[in-house]
Amino acid sequence: RELAEQAVLNEKRIRERALQKIKKKRKKAREKALASLSFDVGDGGEEEDEGDESPSPAPKKKKKKEKNALKTKTKKSIKCPFVDTSFLPDRAREEEELRMREELKQEWKQKQEIMKKEQIEVTYSYWDGTGHRRNITVPKGLTIVKFLERCRRDLSDEFHELRGVSPENLIYVKEDVIIPHTYTFYDLIVSRARGKSGPLFHFDVHDDVRLVQDTRIEKDESHAGKIVTRAYYERNRHIFPVNRWEVYDPNKKYEKYTIK
């Protein structure tokens, strides 16, 4: 920033000096023009005596030539070629930058769409007091509410109470946090979201971080997400482990994995 300010000051000084030089040149040119327009009084008297009252056209032509010369001088660039002007506005450069940004934006969007179509295997557990573990393959761009609908269809043949339940009345709990229905698996993976007891961006199953080794050490281990009905959650929200669950907040950070 200091270098930029110094460059601006140098350019201002150069412009002031150039303007002073131009003013001096204009003053000299005016003096020359006035000198060329002046004519001898004696000659004028002779012309009057001769009866020719109209002035000679020669001075007018000289005056026009001087004006044209002054115009051509003022049109010349007064910019110093040795001063860095990259910080100054440049229409052509700005248009080129906007074009490149738009191209990069479109390229980034295409890559994200390709990533959202990638398939991942999700291990989940239908929880009604005991766990019933299942696996399902879904695209990364699938929302949680659509994921719950697919799981409900797979589970409805075995668990008849789910046949009349809409996906809006199901809850997906992972790492002791309730994931909102509007989130996608892609959102959790890209943001590398974390819950109370592990990462939210891994959907396979590893050892329980709360039962193996030191619980204060953050590990790349995850647990099967639980699917529960809203009615079950309301009945048992005062009992462990339901009393530990809370709605996912992306602004909240869990520095240590703990268990009550």
Protein backbone atom coordinates (compact mmCIF):
# COMPACT_ATOMS: atom_id res chain seq x y z
CA ARG A 1 0.00 0.00 0.00
CA GLU A 2 2.83 2.41 0.81
CA LEU A 3 4.46 1.69 -2.57
CA ALA A 4 1.15 2.34 -4.32
CA GLU A 5 0.68 5.67 -2.49
CA GLN A 6 4.25 6.70 -3.31
CA ALA A 7 3.68 5.85 -6.98
CA VAL A 8 0.52 7.98 -7.02
CA LEU A 9 2.41 10.93 -5.47
CA ASN A 10 5.22 10.58 -8.02
CA GLU A 11 2.71 10.53 -10.84
CA LYS A 12 1.00 13.67 -9.49
CA ARG A 13 4.32 15.49 -9.31
CA ILE A 14 5.18 14.46 -12.86
CA ARG A 15 1.80 15.69 -14.08
CA GLU A 16 2.21 19.04 -12.30
CA ARG A 17 5.63 19.56 -13.87
CA ALA A 18 4.30 18.62 -17.29
CA LEU A 19 1.39 21.06 -16.89
CA GLN A 20 3.77 23.86 -15.91
CA LYS A 21 5.88 23.19 -19.01
CA ILE A 22 2.76 23.22 -21.21
CA LYS A 23 1.64 26.53 -19.68
CA LYS A 24 5.05 28.08 -20.40
CA LYS A 25 4.97 26.81 -23.99
CA ARG A 26 1.46 28.18 -24.48
CA LYS A 27 2.49 31.55 -23.11
CA LYS A 28 5.45 31.73 -25.48
CA ALA A 29 3.27 30.64 -28.40
CA ARG A 30 0.75 33.39 -27.58
CA GLU A 31 3.48 35.98 -27.45
CA LYS A 32 4.78 34.82 -30.83
CA ALA A 33 1.28 34.87 -32.27
CA LEU A 34 0.73 38.42 -31.05
CA ALA A 35 4.09 39.48 -32.46
CA SER A 36 3.26 37.97 -35.83
CA LEU A 37 -0.14 39.69 -35.88
CA SER A 38 1.33 43.15 -35.14
CA PHE A 39 2.12 45.25 -38.21
CA ASP A 40 4.00 48.45 -38.88
CA VAL A 41 2.03 51.68 -38.35
CA GLY A 42 3.76 53.35 -41.29
CA ASP A 43 2.68 50.59 -43.65
CA GLY A 44 -0.83 50.92 -42.35
CA GLY A 45 -0.78 54.63 -43.07
CA GLU A 46 0.36 54.05 -46.59
CA GLU A 47 -2.39 51.51 -47.12
CA GLU A 48 -4.95 53.99 -45.84
CA ASP A 49 -3.56 56.63 -48.15
CA GLU A 50 -3.82 54.25 -51.03
CA GLY A 51 -7.47 53.75 -50.17
CA ASP A 52 -7.30 50.02 -49.27
CA GLU A 53 -9.28 49.90 -45.98
CA SER A 54 -9.54 46.06 -45.70
CA PRO A 55 -6.77 44.33 -43.59
CA SER A 56 -4.39 41.88 -45.19
CA PRO A 57 -5.48 38.18 -45.01
CA ALA A 58 -1.97 37.00 -44.17
CA PRO A 59 -2.19 37.58 -40.37
CA LYS A 60 -5.42 35.50 -40.17
CA LYS A 61 -3.73 32.53 -41.82
CA LYS A 62 -0.81 32.76 -39.39
CA LYS A 63 -3.21 32.87 -36.44
CA LYS A 64 -4.97 29.70 -37.61
CA LYS A 65 -1.63 27.93 -38.03
CA GLU A 66 -0.59 28.87 -34.49
CA LYS A 67 -3.89 27.60 -33.06
CA ASN A 68 -3.54 24.28 -34.88
CA ALA A 69 0.03 23.95 -33.62
CA LEU A 70 -1.14 24.54 -30.02
CA LYS A 71 -3.90 21.92 -30.39
CA THR A 72 -1.48 19.28 -31.67
CA LYS A 73 0.86 19.98 -28.77
CA THR A 74 -1.86 19.64 -26.13
CA LYS A 75 -3.02 16.30 -27.63
CA LYS A 76 0.32 14.67 -26.87
CA SER A 77 0.32 12.22 -23.91
CA ILE A 78 1.83 13.52 -20.71
CA LYS A 79 1.93 10.08 -19.04
CA CYS A 80 5.34 8.94 -17.84
CA PRO A 81 6.13 5.54 -19.43
CA PHE A 82 8.29 4.47 -16.47
CA VAL A 83 5.53 4.68 -13.79
CA ASP A 84 3.59 1.54 -12.86
CA THR A 85 -0.08 2.19 -13.70
CA SER A 86 -1.41 -1.36 -13.16
CA PHE A 87 -3.42 -0.16 -10.13
CA LEU A 88 -5.30 2.41 -12.23
CA PRO A 89 -8.68 1.58 -13.82
CA ASP A 90 -8.39 -0.18 -17.15
CA ARG A 91 -11.58 -1.14 -18.98
CA ALA A 92 -9.99 -3.79 -21.19
CA ARG A 93 -8.21 -5.44 -18.25
CA GLU A 94 -11.37 -5.42 -16.11
CA GLU A 95 -13.42 -7.04 -18.89
CA GLU A 96 -10.78 -9.75 -19.28
CA GLU A 97 -10.79 -10.43 -15.52
CA LEU A 98 -14.60 -10.68 -15.47
CA ARG A 99 -14.52 -13.13 -18.38
CA MET A 100 -11.92 -15.32 -16.64
CA ARG A 101 -13.89 -15.25 -13.38
CA GLU A 102 -17.06 -16.35 -15.16
CA GLU A 103 -15.20 -19.23 -16.85
CA LEU A 104 -13.73 -20.38 -13.52
CA LYS A 105 -17.16 -20.10 -11.88
CA GLN A 106 -18.77 -22.30 -14.54
CA GLU A 107 -15.91 -24.81 -14.31
CA TRP A 108 -16.28 -24.98 -10.50
CA LYS A 109 -20.05 -25.53 -10.80
CA GLN A 110 -19.54 -28.39 -13.24
CA LYS A 111 -17.09 -30.09 -10.88
CA GLN A 112 -19.52 -29.74 -7.97
CA GLU A 113 -22.36 -31.26 -10.01
CA ILE A 114 -20.15 -34.23 -10.88
CA MET A 115 -19.26 -34.68 -7.19
CA LYS A 116 -22.93 -34.56 -6.17
CA LYS A 117 -23.72 -37.43 -8.53
CA GLU A 118 -21.07 -39.69 -7.00
CA GLN A 119 -22.49 -42.67 -5.07
CA ILE A 120 -21.67 -43.35 -1.40
CA GLU A 121 -22.63 -46.21 0.90
CA VAL A 122 -24.37 -45.07 4.08
CA THR A 123 -24.68 -47.29 7.13
CA TYR A 124 -27.70 -46.41 9.25
CA SER A 125 -29.61 -47.97 12.12
CA TYR A 126 -33.36 -47.82 12.68
CA TRP A 127 -33.65 -47.10 16.40
CA ASP A 128 -36.75 -48.11 18.37
CA GLY A 129 -34.92 -48.79 21.64
CA THR A 130 -32.62 -51.27 19.94
CA GLY A 131 -30.60 -50.87 16.77
CA HIS A 132 -31.46 -52.46 13.40
CA ARG A 133 -28.50 -51.78 11.12
CA ARG A 134 -28.84 -51.49 7.34
CA ASN A 135 -26.79 -50.22 4.38
CA ILE A 136 -27.96 -48.10 1.46
CA THR A 137 -26.23 -46.52 -1.55
CA VAL A 138 -27.22 -42.93 -2.39
CA PRO A 139 -25.74 -39.97 -4.35
CA LYS A 140 -23.89 -37.31 -2.39
CA GLY A 141 -26.32 -34.62 -3.53
CA LEU A 142 -29.34 -36.35 -1.94
CA THR A 143 -31.09 -34.38 0.81
CA ILE A 144 -31.69 -35.92 4.24
CA VAL A 145 -35.47 -35.93 3.81
CA LYS A 146 -35.20 -37.93 0.56
CA PHE A 147 -32.70 -40.24 2.22
CA LEU A 148 -35.20 -40.87 5.04
CA GLU A 149 -37.91 -41.68 2.50
CA ARG A 150 -35.69 -44.29 0.83
CA CYS A 151 -34.82 -45.83 4.19
CA ARG A 152 -38.50 -45.90 5.19
CA ARG A 153 -39.34 -47.86 2.03
CA ASP A 154 -36.60 -50.40 2.78
CA LEU A 155 -37.70 -50.78 6.41
CA SER A 156 -41.49 -50.74 5.96
CA ASP A 157 -41.71 -54.42 4.97
CA GLU A 158 -40.14 -55.48 8.28
CA PHE A 159 -41.36 -52.64 10.54
CA HIS A 160 -45.05 -52.09 9.78
CA GLU A 161 -45.32 -49.02 12.03
CA LEU A 162 -43.28 -47.08 9.43
CA ARG A 163 -45.80 -47.60 6.62
CA GLY A 164 -47.98 -44.68 7.66
CA VAL A 165 -45.11 -42.39 8.68
CA SER A 166 -44.03 -39.58 6.36
CA PRO A 167 -40.32 -38.74 6.00
CA GLU A 168 -40.99 -35.36 7.68
CA ASN A 169 -41.84 -37.30 10.86
CA LEU A 170 -38.53 -39.17 10.83
CA ILE A 171 -35.29 -37.89 12.40
CA TYR A 172 -31.74 -38.66 11.32
CA VAL A 173 -29.28 -38.53 14.20
CA LYS A 174 -25.54 -38.88 13.67
CA GLU A 175 -22.78 -38.34 16.24
CA ASP A 176 -25.43 -37.20 18.76
CA VAL A 177 -26.68 -34.32 16.58
CA ILE A 178 -29.95 -34.13 14.65
CA ILE A 179 -29.27 -33.35 10.99
CA PRO A 180 -31.88 -30.94 9.47
CA HIS A 181 -33.83 -32.32 6.50
CA THR A 182 -32.61 -29.60 4.11
CA TYR A 183 -28.94 -30.65 4.33
CA THR A 184 -27.34 -32.96 1.76
CA PHE A 185 -24.55 -35.47 2.27
CA TYR A 186 -22.48 -33.28 -0.05
CA ASP A 187 -22.88 -30.32 2.35
CA LEU A 188 -21.63 -32.37 5.29
CA ILE A 189 -18.69 -33.78 3.32
CA VAL A 190 -17.51 -30.47 1.84
CA SER A 191 -17.75 -28.56 5.14
CA ARG A 192 -16.18 -31.51 7.04
CA ALA A 193 -18.89 -31.11 9.66
CA ARG A 194 -18.45 -32.59 13.12
CA GLY A 195 -20.80 -33.69 15.85
CA LYS A 196 -20.44 -34.43 19.54
CA SER A 197 -18.83 -37.84 19.16
CA GLY A 198 -17.28 -37.92 15.69
CA PRO A 199 -17.25 -36.58 12.12
CA LEU A 200 -20.45 -36.12 10.15
CA PHE A 201 -18.71 -36.49 6.79
CA HIS A 202 -18.01 -40.25 7.11
CA PHE A 203 -20.94 -42.58 6.70
CA ASP A 204 -19.28 -45.95 7.15
CA VAL A 205 -18.77 -47.44 10.62
CA HIS A 206 -15.57 -47.70 12.70
CA ASP A 207 -14.74 -48.31 16.35
CA ASP A 208 -16.54 -46.15 18.91
CA VAL A 209 -14.27 -43.25 19.80
CA ARG A 210 -15.97 -43.00 23.18
CA LEU A 211 -15.10 -46.57 24.19
CA VAL A 212 -11.65 -47.09 22.62
CA GLN A 213 -8.50 -45.35 23.94
CA ASP A 214 -8.66 -41.69 25.02
CA THR A 215 -11.99 -39.89 24.45
CA ARG A 216 -10.23 -36.50 24.44
CA ILE A 217 -8.31 -37.36 21.25
CA GLU A 218 -10.14 -36.45 18.05
CA LYS A 219 -10.26 -39.42 15.67
CA ASP A 220 -11.39 -40.08 12.13
CA GLU A 221 -13.97 -42.60 13.35
CA SER A 222 -17.74 -42.50 12.98
CA HIS A 223 -20.85 -44.36 14.11
CA ALA A 224 -23.93 -45.52 12.26
CA GLY A 225 -26.52 -42.75 12.02
CA LYS A 226 -29.79 -43.46 13.81
CA ILE A 227 -33.22 -43.10 12.23
CA VAL A 228 -36.02 -42.61 14.75
CA THR A 229 -39.62 -41.49 14.56
CA ARG A 230 -40.51 -38.09 15.94
CA ALA A 231 -42.98 -39.75 18.32
CA TYR A 232 -40.22 -41.93 19.80
CA TYR A 233 -38.00 -38.86 20.22
CA GLU A 234 -40.73 -36.91 22.06
CA ARG A 235 -41.46 -39.85 24.40
CA ASN A 236 -37.84 -40.52 25.34
CA ARG A 237 -36.11 -37.13 25.12
CA HIS A 238 -35.44 -37.22 28.90
CA ILE A 239 -33.72 -40.66 28.72
CA PHE A 240 -30.18 -41.49 27.56
CA PRO A 241 -29.10 -41.41 24.76
CA VAL A 242 -31.98 -39.24 23.45
CA ASN A 243 -31.38 -36.60 26.13
CA ARG A 244 -27.91 -36.09 24.65
CA TRP A 245 -29.11 -35.26 21.13
CA GLU A 246 -29.30 -31.69 19.88
CA VAL A 247 -29.98 -30.00 16.53
CA TYR A 248 -26.92 -29.57 14.34
CA ASP A 249 -25.46 -26.05 14.39
CA PRO A 250 -22.67 -25.45 11.81
CA ASN A 251 -21.30 -22.54 13.86
CA LYS A 252 -20.79 -24.67 16.97
CA LYS A 253 -17.44 -26.42 17.43
CA TYR A 254 -16.91 -29.52 19.54
CA GLU A 255 -13.28 -29.37 20.60
CA LYS A 256 -13.42 -32.60 22.60
CA TYR A 257 -15.54 -35.72 22.20
CA THR A 258 -17.19 -36.49 25.52
CA ILE A 259 -19.89 -38.77 26.89
CA LYS A 260 -22.13 -38.13 29.89
